[in-house]
Amino acid sequence: MTGPAIVLPDMAAGLNASSAGTQWVQNSYNAIFAATVLATGSLADRFGRRLVLRIGIATFGLAMALIAVSSDILVIDVLRGVQGLAAGATVSAGSAVLAHATSGARRVRVFGLLGASFGGGTAAGPLVAGALAPLGWRAIFVVIALGAAIAFVASRYTQASSDPSAPRPDLPGMACFGGALLVLSLGFIQAGEAGWSNVWTLLAFAATILLLGAFVLVELRGSQPMFDVRLFRRPAFTALMCLPFSVTFGLAALNVFLPVFLQSGGASPWRAAVELTPLEIPVLLVPLAARWLTSRWSMRTLLVAGPVLIAGGSCGLVVVDRGTSTWVSALPLLLFGVGVGMAFSVMDNAAVSTVPVDKAGSAAGMFNTMRITGESLAVAATAAVLISVTAARTSTTQAVAAVQGRHVPVTTGHAFADALHVVVIGLGVLALVGAILTGWALRRSHDTEADEMRAGTR
């Protein structure tokens, strides 16, 4: 996600792509990734975890290689969707392979390394893409394809395992959920270009509601649902499922659109990538200190403090403007990154801890789905807001050019900066609301458990 985001402006210019075509480079990948991670996990259990893992890695790398030689933005958008499906298979099957092959303290260490690799990928993506930018936008896709080739060779040494009794993939649920995300992304794109009251925008939002309603009905009627919506009866679980929208939402929005903003003002891809380092480094390092953090503060404290720091960092970014020094944004981005890292260090464990032991696997899969969904919606929604607010002071054409990262006139640049300020303030409010609701829900859950213990019902 983060590497291609850096080269989106060059890609849009090189392919003479429309705003919608450029946005779907991110949206199709994110939406399909979010929609398929649970379903591909079921496939891995039934037909072989190593088999699905290797197919996922191979498809991911092949899609990247084909993107590197493609000259049509529509073909690239389709390939990014295929890549999202492959990413879902890789993540779900890979996690299952690790869980099957390890146990106890070794499993804790292995999954800690897996989490660090996610943070490392997030942090390295912009820097690698920025360094490769002089070679052209295709270079980052070639490098990721080569990485997939290495992973494919290494994957032959993983243990083979399966569970033939595992439930069948929930295809109706996947179709409804994936359809809702794609239609919602379409609605956001239409809102940015034609307005929030446009009839097609409203129809897209209405269709999203209908598809989500159908998804809930499908999951409620299934004997072994992919997404157990009954767990949302627990306030603590519900709060933690919503937490990714106040954590990963902001991270994805800044990773994609802060570099675009800087490049619209004339910054090189490398400078745009370097400016993100105060954000990315804590996202990588803080989760590695999870054991130290949890030994000094409660899970509830960390889950509240993380979004509070995110809120502070978000609001601090209102100082960023066209041509401002890199150092101006360093402290707000650092606060933001530390907040994300603190949340990342305990979010997964917290989500699983709020449900019965026999529901832990389902809760983990649901939480990962919500995290990826937050990233998907962040990219689509932020683009719509940036275009709408910028266009109110300039024109839709200029606003689209700015959001594509193309160099724009000073007046448009300042309008784009104002739009970015609206976004970061919104992210700050979202994070603060998330902190309050999480703190309240976890406190209520703790009080309920204490009451049950005193009454002898637990």
Protein backbone atom coordinates (compact mmCIF):
# COMPACT_ATOMS: atom_id res chain seq x y z
CA MET A 1 0.00 0.00 0.00
CA THR A 2 2.61 2.58 1.04
CA GLY A 3 5.17 2.02 -1.74
CA PRO A 4 2.83 2.50 -4.72
CA ALA A 5 1.27 5.53 -2.98
CA ILE A 6 4.55 7.42 -3.38
CA VAL A 7 4.66 6.90 -7.15
CA LEU A 8 0.94 7.52 -7.83
CA PRO A 9 1.61 11.09 -9.10
CA ASP A 10 4.22 9.85 -11.59
CA MET A 11 1.95 6.99 -12.63
CA ALA A 12 -1.01 9.32 -13.19
CA ALA A 13 1.09 11.69 -15.28
CA GLY A 14 2.85 8.95 -17.24
CA LEU A 15 -0.38 7.14 -18.13
CA ASN A 16 -2.47 10.32 -18.47
CA ALA A 17 -4.90 8.69 -16.05
CA SER A 18 -8.10 10.18 -14.73
CA SER A 19 -8.62 10.91 -11.05
CA ALA A 20 -10.95 7.91 -10.69
CA GLY A 21 -8.53 5.61 -12.48
CA THR A 22 -5.70 6.72 -10.22
CA GLN A 23 -7.72 6.31 -7.02
CA TRP A 24 -8.73 2.77 -7.96
CA VAL A 25 -5.04 1.79 -7.93
CA GLN A 26 -5.37 1.97 -4.15
CA ASN A 27 -9.09 1.38 -3.68
CA SER A 28 -9.37 -1.89 -5.63
CA TYR A 29 -6.42 -3.39 -3.76
CA ASN A 30 -7.58 -2.30 -0.30
CA ALA A 31 -11.27 -3.16 -0.70
CA ILE A 32 -10.72 -6.66 -2.09
CA PHE A 33 -7.98 -7.35 0.45
CA ALA A 34 -10.37 -6.47 3.28
CA ALA A 35 -13.22 -8.50 1.79
CA THR A 36 -11.28 -11.72 1.21
CA VAL A 37 -8.92 -12.17 4.15
CA LEU A 38 -11.48 -14.20 6.16
CA ALA A 39 -12.78 -16.26 3.24
CA THR A 40 -9.28 -17.19 2.03
CA GLY A 41 -8.50 -18.31 5.58
CA SER A 42 -11.30 -20.87 5.28
CA LEU A 43 -9.90 -22.01 1.93
CA ALA A 44 -6.48 -22.45 3.50
CA ASP A 45 -7.89 -24.61 6.30
CA ARG A 46 -9.83 -26.87 3.91
CA PHE A 47 -7.40 -27.28 1.02
CA GLY A 48 -4.01 -26.80 2.64
CA ARG A 49 -2.44 -23.79 4.31
CA ARG A 50 0.90 -24.08 2.54
CA LEU A 51 -0.81 -24.55 -0.84
CA VAL A 52 -2.97 -21.43 -0.45
CA LEU A 53 0.01 -19.48 0.91
CA ARG A 54 2.16 -20.34 -2.12
CA ILE A 55 -0.67 -19.61 -4.59
CA GLY A 56 -1.22 -16.27 -2.86
CA ILE A 57 2.45 -15.28 -2.99
CA ALA A 58 2.81 -16.38 -6.63
CA THR A 59 -0.33 -14.49 -7.71
CA PHE A 60 0.75 -11.41 -5.78
CA GLY A 61 4.16 -11.34 -7.45
CA LEU A 62 2.78 -12.08 -10.91
CA ALA A 63 0.25 -9.24 -10.61
CA MET A 64 3.05 -6.87 -9.60
CA ALA A 65 5.17 -7.93 -12.57
CA LEU A 66 2.26 -7.43 -14.99
CA ILE A 67 1.57 -3.97 -13.54
CA ALA A 68 5.22 -3.07 -14.16
CA VAL A 69 4.78 -3.68 -17.91
CA SER A 70 1.22 -2.36 -18.28
CA SER A 71 0.35 0.93 -19.97
CA ASP A 72 -3.41 1.02 -19.35
CA ILE A 73 -4.72 2.32 -16.02
CA LEU A 74 -7.83 0.11 -16.25
CA VAL A 75 -5.66 -3.02 -16.61
CA ILE A 76 -3.58 -1.86 -13.65
CA ASP A 77 -6.70 -1.30 -11.53
CA VAL A 78 -7.91 -4.84 -12.30
CA LEU A 79 -4.48 -6.28 -11.51
CA ARG A 80 -4.44 -4.41 -8.21
CA GLY A 81 -7.77 -6.07 -7.37
CA VAL A 82 -6.24 -9.47 -8.17
CA GLN A 83 -3.32 -8.51 -5.97
CA GLY A 84 -5.73 -7.66 -3.12
CA LEU A 85 -7.21 -11.15 -3.36
CA ALA A 86 -3.71 -12.63 -3.32
CA ALA A 87 -2.78 -10.49 -0.32
CA GLY A 88 -5.79 -11.81 1.59
CA ALA A 89 -4.72 -15.38 0.86
CA THR A 90 -1.11 -14.69 1.80
CA VAL A 91 -1.90 -13.03 5.12
CA SER A 92 -4.58 -15.49 6.26
CA ALA A 93 -2.78 -18.66 5.12
CA GLY A 94 0.59 -17.38 6.31
CA SER A 95 -0.76 -16.63 9.77
CA ALA A 96 -2.35 -20.10 9.90
CA VAL A 97 0.94 -21.75 8.86
CA LEU A 98 2.79 -19.95 11.66
CA ALA A 99 0.11 -20.76 14.23
CA HIS A 100 0.17 -24.47 13.27
CA ALA A 101 3.97 -24.74 13.30
CA THR A 102 4.64 -22.96 16.63
CA SER A 103 3.36 -22.91 20.19
CA GLY A 104 3.98 -21.27 23.54
CA ALA A 105 6.73 -18.68 23.87
CA ARG A 106 8.01 -19.48 20.39
CA ARG A 107 4.65 -18.59 18.87
CA VAL A 108 4.66 -15.27 20.76
CA ARG A 109 8.11 -14.45 19.37
CA VAL A 110 7.19 -15.50 15.84
CA PHE A 111 4.02 -13.43 15.76
CA GLY A 112 5.95 -10.53 17.27
CA LEU A 113 8.32 -10.77 14.30
CA LEU A 114 5.35 -10.95 11.93
CA GLY A 115 3.90 -7.77 13.45
CA ALA A 116 7.29 -6.09 13.19
CA SER A 117 7.49 -7.07 9.52
CA PHE A 118 4.13 -5.37 8.90
CA GLY A 119 5.43 -2.24 10.60
CA GLY A 120 8.71 -2.52 8.72
CA GLY A 121 6.91 -2.82 5.41
CA THR A 122 4.82 0.23 6.21
CA ALA A 123 7.93 2.19 7.14
CA ALA A 124 10.15 0.98 4.29
CA GLY A 125 7.57 1.28 1.51
CA PRO A 126 7.77 5.07 1.06
CA LEU A 127 11.57 5.18 1.43
CA VAL A 128 12.18 2.39 -1.08
CA ALA A 129 9.70 3.90 -3.53
CA GLY A 130 11.23 7.35 -3.09
CA ALA A 131 14.72 6.01 -3.71
CA LEU A 132 13.57 4.15 -6.84
CA ALA A 133 11.49 7.05 -8.19
CA PRO A 134 14.28 8.37 -10.48
CA LEU A 135 14.08 5.03 -12.31
CA GLY A 136 10.36 5.54 -13.00
CA TRP A 137 7.18 4.44 -11.27
CA ARG A 138 7.46 0.90 -12.63
CA ALA A 139 10.59 0.21 -10.58
CA ILE A 140 8.76 -0.17 -7.25
CA PHE A 141 6.47 -2.81 -8.75
CA VAL A 142 9.47 -4.71 -10.12
CA VAL A 143 11.18 -4.69 -6.72
CA ILE A 144 8.07 -5.94 -4.90
CA ALA A 145 7.65 -8.66 -7.54
CA LEU A 146 11.24 -9.77 -6.87
CA GLY A 147 10.50 -9.82 -3.15
CA ALA A 148 7.49 -12.05 -3.82
CA ALA A 149 9.71 -14.39 -5.86
CA ILE A 150 12.09 -14.76 -2.91
CA ALA A 151 9.17 -15.39 -0.55
CA PHE A 152 7.75 -18.00 -2.94
CA VAL A 153 11.04 -19.95 -2.94
CA ALA A 154 11.26 -19.76 0.85
CA SER A 155 7.66 -20.88 1.29
CA ARG A 156 8.45 -24.37 0.00
CA TYR A 157 10.06 -25.07 3.39
CA THR A 158 6.92 -24.33 5.41
CA GLN A 159 4.97 -27.19 6.99
CA ALA A 160 1.96 -28.57 5.15
CA SER A 161 -1.24 -28.71 7.17
CA SER A 162 -4.99 -28.64 6.65
CA ASP A 163 -8.33 -29.14 8.37
CA PRO A 164 -10.74 -30.97 6.02
CA SER A 165 -13.58 -30.46 8.51
CA ALA A 166 -13.24 -26.67 8.38
CA PRO A 167 -16.36 -24.80 7.21
CA ARG A 168 -16.72 -23.88 3.57
CA PRO A 169 -15.79 -20.34 2.54
CA ASP A 170 -18.67 -17.93 3.09
CA LEU A 171 -19.00 -16.79 -0.53
CA PRO A 172 -22.34 -14.94 -0.09
CA GLY A 173 -20.94 -13.05 2.89
CA MET A 174 -17.73 -12.24 1.05
CA ALA A 175 -19.70 -11.01 -1.98
CA CYS A 176 -21.92 -8.72 0.13
CA PHE A 177 -19.06 -7.32 2.19
CA GLY A 178 -16.71 -6.86 -0.76
CA GLY A 179 -19.49 -5.36 -2.85
CA ALA A 180 -20.29 -2.88 -0.08
CA LEU A 181 -16.68 -1.71 0.12
CA LEU A 182 -16.34 -1.36 -3.65
CA VAL A 183 -19.63 0.53 -4.01
CA LEU A 184 -18.74 2.78 -1.08
CA SER A 185 -15.37 3.55 -2.69
CA LEU A 186 -17.21 4.37 -5.90
CA GLY A 187 -19.50 6.70 -3.92
CA PHE A 188 -16.54 8.55 -2.43
CA ILE A 189 -14.93 8.97 -5.85
CA GLN A 190 -18.20 10.28 -7.26
CA ALA A 191 -18.60 12.64 -4.27
CA GLY A 192 -15.19 14.15 -4.89
CA GLU A 193 -15.78 14.77 -8.57
CA ALA A 194 -19.54 15.48 -8.75
CA GLY A 195 -20.49 16.50 -5.21
CA TRP A 196 -21.90 14.83 -2.12
CA SER A 197 -25.51 15.53 -3.14
CA ASN A 198 -25.09 14.11 -6.65
CA VAL A 199 -27.72 11.46 -7.40
CA TRP A 200 -25.14 8.79 -8.29
CA THR A 201 -23.24 9.53 -5.09
CA LEU A 202 -26.39 9.09 -3.02
CA LEU A 203 -27.31 5.91 -4.89
CA ALA A 204 -23.86 4.46 -4.17
CA PHE A 205 -24.20 5.22 -0.47
CA ALA A 206 -27.71 3.72 -0.42
CA ALA A 207 -26.46 0.58 -2.17
CA THR A 208 -23.69 0.31 0.44
CA ILE A 209 -26.27 0.32 3.25
CA LEU A 210 -28.34 -2.35 1.48
CA LEU A 211 -25.31 -4.57 0.88
CA LEU A 212 -24.16 -4.24 4.49
CA GLY A 213 -27.69 -5.11 5.65
CA ALA A 214 -27.63 -8.18 3.42
CA PHE A 215 -24.22 -9.10 4.83
CA VAL A 216 -25.52 -8.95 8.41
CA LEU A 217 -28.53 -11.15 7.48
CA VAL A 218 -26.28 -13.70 5.75
CA GLU A 219 -23.98 -13.89 8.76
CA LEU A 220 -26.85 -14.16 11.27
CA ARG A 221 -28.46 -17.03 9.36
CA GLY A 222 -25.26 -19.03 8.85
CA SER A 223 -24.45 -21.88 11.23
CA GLN A 224 -20.72 -21.10 11.02
CA PRO A 225 -20.52 -17.43 10.02
CA MET A 226 -17.36 -15.92 8.60
CA PHE A 227 -18.01 -12.73 10.56
CA ASP A 228 -19.83 -13.51 13.81
CA VAL A 229 -21.88 -10.33 14.27
CA ARG A 230 -23.30 -11.74 17.53
CA LEU A 231 -20.02 -10.85 19.22
CA PHE A 232 -20.90 -7.18 18.80
CA ARG A 233 -23.29 -7.58 21.74
CA ARG A 234 -20.20 -7.13 23.92
CA PRO A 235 -19.44 -3.39 24.36
CA ALA A 236 -15.70 -3.94 24.85
CA PHE A 237 -15.44 -6.07 21.72
CA THR A 238 -17.45 -3.54 19.71
CA ALA A 239 -15.21 -0.69 20.86
CA LEU A 240 -12.08 -2.61 19.90
CA MET A 241 -13.52 -3.54 16.51
CA CYS A 242 -14.07 0.17 15.87
CA LEU A 243 -10.61 1.14 17.15
CA PRO A 244 -8.91 0.55 13.76
CA PHE A 245 -11.00 3.41 12.36
CA SER A 246 -9.35 5.81 14.80
CA VAL A 247 -5.86 4.31 14.39
CA THR A 248 -5.24 2.71 10.99
CA PHE A 249 -7.65 5.14 9.27
CA GLY A 250 -5.38 8.07 10.04
CA LEU A 251 -2.19 6.14 9.34
CA ALA A 252 -3.39 5.11 5.89
CA ALA A 253 -4.64 8.62 5.08
CA LEU A 254 -1.29 10.23 5.93
CA ASN A 255 0.78 7.51 4.25
CA VAL A 256 -1.05 8.02 0.97
CA PHE A 257 -1.90 11.72 0.86
CA LEU A 258 0.84 13.57 2.75
CA PRO A 259 3.39 12.55 0.06
CA VAL A 260 0.86 13.57 -2.61
CA PHE A 261 0.46 16.99 -0.96
CA LEU A 262 4.21 17.53 -0.82
CA GLN A 263 4.71 16.49 -4.44
CA SER A 264 1.95 18.86 -5.58
CA GLY A 265 4.11 21.64 -4.13
CA GLY A 266 7.15 20.54 -6.11
CA ALA A 267 8.83 18.12 -3.67
CA SER A 268 10.57 15.08 -5.12
CA PRO A 269 9.25 11.59 -4.27
CA TRP A 270 12.37 11.05 -2.16
CA ARG A 271 11.80 14.18 -0.06
CA ALA A 272 8.14 13.24 0.35
CA ALA A 273 9.20 9.79 1.58
CA VAL A 274 11.81 11.18 3.98
CA GLU A 275 9.24 13.53 5.52
CA LEU A 276 7.21 10.47 6.54
CA THR A 277 10.05 8.88 8.55
CA PRO A 278 9.06 10.47 11.92
CA LEU A 279 5.69 8.76 11.44
CA GLU A 280 6.95 5.39 10.26
CA ILE A 281 9.83 4.69 12.64
CA PRO A 282 7.70 4.61 15.84
CA VAL A 283 5.14 2.41 14.04
CA LEU A 284 7.96 -0.11 13.60
CA LEU A 285 9.80 0.25 16.91
CA VAL A 286 7.12 0.84 19.55
CA PRO A 287 5.34 -2.54 19.04
CA LEU A 288 8.69 -4.26 19.58
CA ALA A 289 8.61 -2.86 23.12
CA ALA A 290 5.15 -4.33 23.79
CA ARG A 291 6.32 -6.50 26.70
CA TRP A 292 7.97 -3.51 28.40
CA LEU A 293 4.92 -1.31 27.83
CA THR A 294 2.43 -3.85 29.15
CA SER A 295 4.56 -4.45 32.25
CA ARG A 296 4.20 -0.79 33.23
CA TRP A 297 0.74 0.20 32.00
CA SER A 298 -2.56 -1.58 31.66
CA MET A 299 -3.96 -2.56 28.29
CA ARG A 300 -6.76 -0.03 28.78
CA THR A 301 -4.26 2.77 29.45
CA LEU A 302 -2.30 1.99 26.29
CA LEU A 303 -5.44 1.71 24.15
CA VAL A 304 -6.63 5.12 25.36
CA ALA A 305 -3.23 6.85 25.34
CA GLY A 306 -2.47 5.74 21.76
CA PRO A 307 -5.47 7.46 20.13
CA VAL A 308 -4.96 10.53 22.37
CA LEU A 309 -1.41 10.90 21.00
CA ILE A 310 -2.78 10.36 17.49
CA ALA A 311 -5.29 13.15 18.08
CA GLY A 312 -2.54 15.49 19.28
CA GLY A 313 -0.31 14.67 16.34
CA SER A 314 -3.16 15.08 13.87
CA CYS A 315 -4.12 18.52 15.11
CA GLY A 316 -0.45 19.52 15.17
CA LEU A 317 -0.28 18.93 11.41
CA VAL A 318 -2.37 22.06 10.76
CA VAL A 319 0.99 23.88 10.65
CA VAL A 320 1.92 22.06 7.43
CA ASP A 321 1.57 24.28 4.40
CA ARG A 322 2.99 24.62 0.93
CA GLY A 323 6.77 24.87 1.15
CA THR A 324 7.05 24.42 4.93
CA SER A 325 10.22 22.89 6.36
CA THR A 326 10.41 19.16 7.00
CA TRP A 327 11.13 19.90 10.66
CA VAL A 328 7.78 21.66 11.08
CA SER A 329 5.87 18.41 10.66
CA ALA A 330 8.40 16.17 12.44
CA LEU A 331 7.02 16.49 15.99
CA PRO A 332 3.33 16.04 15.08
CA LEU A 333 4.20 13.03 12.91
CA LEU A 334 6.32 11.58 15.72
CA LEU A 335 3.44 11.91 18.20
CA PHE A 336 1.11 10.32 15.67
CA GLY A 337 3.50 7.43 15.04
CA VAL A 338 4.07 6.75 18.74
CA GLY A 339 0.31 6.70 19.27
CA VAL A 340 -0.18 4.22 16.44
CA GLY A 341 2.68 2.07 17.74
CA MET A 342 1.22 2.00 21.26
CA ALA A 343 -2.16 0.91 19.92
CA PHE A 344 -0.61 -1.66 17.60
CA SER A 345 1.32 -3.21 20.50
CA VAL A 346 -1.85 -4.35 22.30
CA MET A 347 -4.83 -4.07 19.90
CA ASP A 348 -4.80 -7.64 18.60
CA ASN A 349 -4.40 -9.22 22.02
CA ALA A 350 -7.07 -6.93 23.47
CA ALA A 351 -9.60 -7.84 20.79
CA VAL A 352 -9.12 -11.57 21.38
CA SER A 353 -9.21 -11.15 25.17
CA THR A 354 -12.73 -9.68 25.16
CA VAL A 355 -14.41 -12.86 23.84
CA PRO A 356 -14.66 -16.47 25.04
CA VAL A 357 -11.65 -18.68 24.27
CA ASP A 358 -13.56 -20.70 21.66
CA LYS A 359 -14.26 -17.47 19.74
CA ALA A 360 -10.67 -16.22 19.76
CA GLY A 361 -9.90 -17.30 16.20
CA SER A 362 -13.04 -15.70 14.85
CA ALA A 363 -12.34 -12.49 16.80
CA ALA A 364 -8.78 -12.30 15.44
CA GLY A 365 -9.99 -12.69 11.87
CA MET A 366 -12.73 -10.10 12.37
CA PHE A 367 -10.27 -7.64 13.88
CA ASN A 368 -7.85 -7.98 10.96
CA THR A 369 -10.75 -7.48 8.57
CA MET A 370 -11.77 -4.28 10.36
CA ARG A 371 -8.18 -3.03 10.32
CA ILE A 372 -7.85 -3.53 6.58
CA THR A 373 -11.33 -2.09 6.04
CA GLY A 374 -10.28 1.03 7.92
CA GLU A 375 -7.31 1.44 5.57
CA SER A 376 -9.50 0.91 2.52
CA LEU A 377 -12.09 3.48 3.55
CA ALA A 378 -9.41 5.96 4.64
CA VAL A 379 -7.95 6.19 1.16
CA ALA A 380 -11.31 6.59 -0.59
CA ALA A 381 -12.88 8.98 1.94
CA THR A 382 -9.80 11.20 2.30
CA ALA A 383 -9.48 11.63 -1.46
CA ALA A 384 -13.14 12.69 -1.67
CA VAL A 385 -12.78 15.27 1.11
CA LEU A 386 -9.53 16.68 -0.31
CA ILE A 387 -11.02 17.11 -3.79
CA SER A 388 -14.28 18.59 -2.48
CA VAL A 389 -12.68 21.15 -0.16
CA THR A 390 -9.99 22.15 -2.67
CA ALA A 391 -12.52 22.48 -5.51
CA ALA A 392 -14.63 24.86 -3.40
CA ARG A 393 -11.86 27.47 -3.72
CA THR A 394 -10.46 26.62 -7.14
CA SER A 395 -11.99 24.20 -9.63
CA THR A 396 -12.59 20.49 -9.81
CA THR A 397 -9.91 20.14 -12.48
CA GLN A 398 -7.29 21.85 -10.32
CA ALA A 399 -8.40 19.91 -7.24
CA VAL A 400 -8.08 16.60 -9.05
CA ALA A 401 -4.61 17.58 -10.32
CA ALA A 402 -3.56 18.40 -6.74
CA VAL A 403 -4.83 15.11 -5.32
CA GLN A 404 -2.99 13.28 -8.09
CA GLY A 405 0.20 14.93 -6.84
CA ARG A 406 0.75 17.04 -9.96
CA HIS A 407 2.48 20.38 -9.52
CA VAL A 408 -0.23 23.02 -9.17
CA PRO A 409 -0.32 26.86 -8.95
CA VAL A 410 0.25 28.58 -5.62
CA THR A 411 -3.45 29.43 -5.13
CA THR A 412 -4.46 25.82 -5.66
CA GLY A 413 -1.63 24.69 -3.40
CA HIS A 414 -2.92 26.82 -0.53
CA ALA A 415 -6.46 25.55 -1.10
CA PHE A 416 -5.10 21.99 -1.04
CA ALA A 417 -3.30 22.79 2.23
CA ASP A 418 -6.56 24.02 3.74
CA ALA A 419 -8.23 20.79 2.63
CA LEU A 420 -5.44 18.79 4.27
CA HIS A 421 -6.01 20.75 7.49
CA VAL A 422 -9.69 19.79 7.40
CA VAL A 423 -8.65 16.14 7.03
CA VAL A 424 -6.12 16.13 9.89
CA ILE A 425 -8.55 17.89 12.25
CA GLY A 426 -11.15 15.27 11.32
CA LEU A 427 -8.62 12.51 12.04
CA GLY A 428 -7.88 14.11 15.40
CA VAL A 429 -11.55 14.23 16.35
CA LEU A 430 -12.03 10.62 15.19
CA ALA A 431 -9.08 9.46 17.32
CA LEU A 432 -10.28 11.36 20.38
CA VAL A 433 -13.78 9.90 20.09
CA GLY A 434 -12.21 6.46 19.72
CA ALA A 435 -10.15 6.99 22.89
CA ILE A 436 -13.21 8.03 24.91
CA LEU A 437 -15.40 5.16 23.70
CA THR A 438 -12.65 2.58 24.17
CA GLY A 439 -11.89 3.75 27.69
CA TRP A 440 -15.58 3.72 28.61
CA ALA A 441 -16.26 0.29 27.08
CA LEU A 442 -13.24 -1.37 28.67
CA ARG A 443 -14.04 0.18 32.05
CA ARG A 444 -17.63 -1.08 31.78
CA SER A 445 -16.38 -4.54 30.80
CA HIS A 446 -14.00 -4.59 33.77
CA ASP A 447 -16.77 -3.52 36.17
CA THR A 448 -19.13 -6.18 34.80
CA GLU A 449 -16.55 -8.93 35.26
CA ALA A 450 -15.87 -7.76 38.82
CA ASP A 451 -19.60 -7.83 39.62
CA GLU A 452 -19.91 -11.34 38.18
CA MET A 453 -16.94 -12.54 40.20
CA ARG A 454 -18.43 -11.13 43.44
CA ALA A 455 -21.78 -12.77 42.61
CA GLY A 456 -20.10 -16.11 41.94
CA THR A 457 -21.42 -16.37 38.37
CA ARG A 458 -17.98 -16.67 36.74
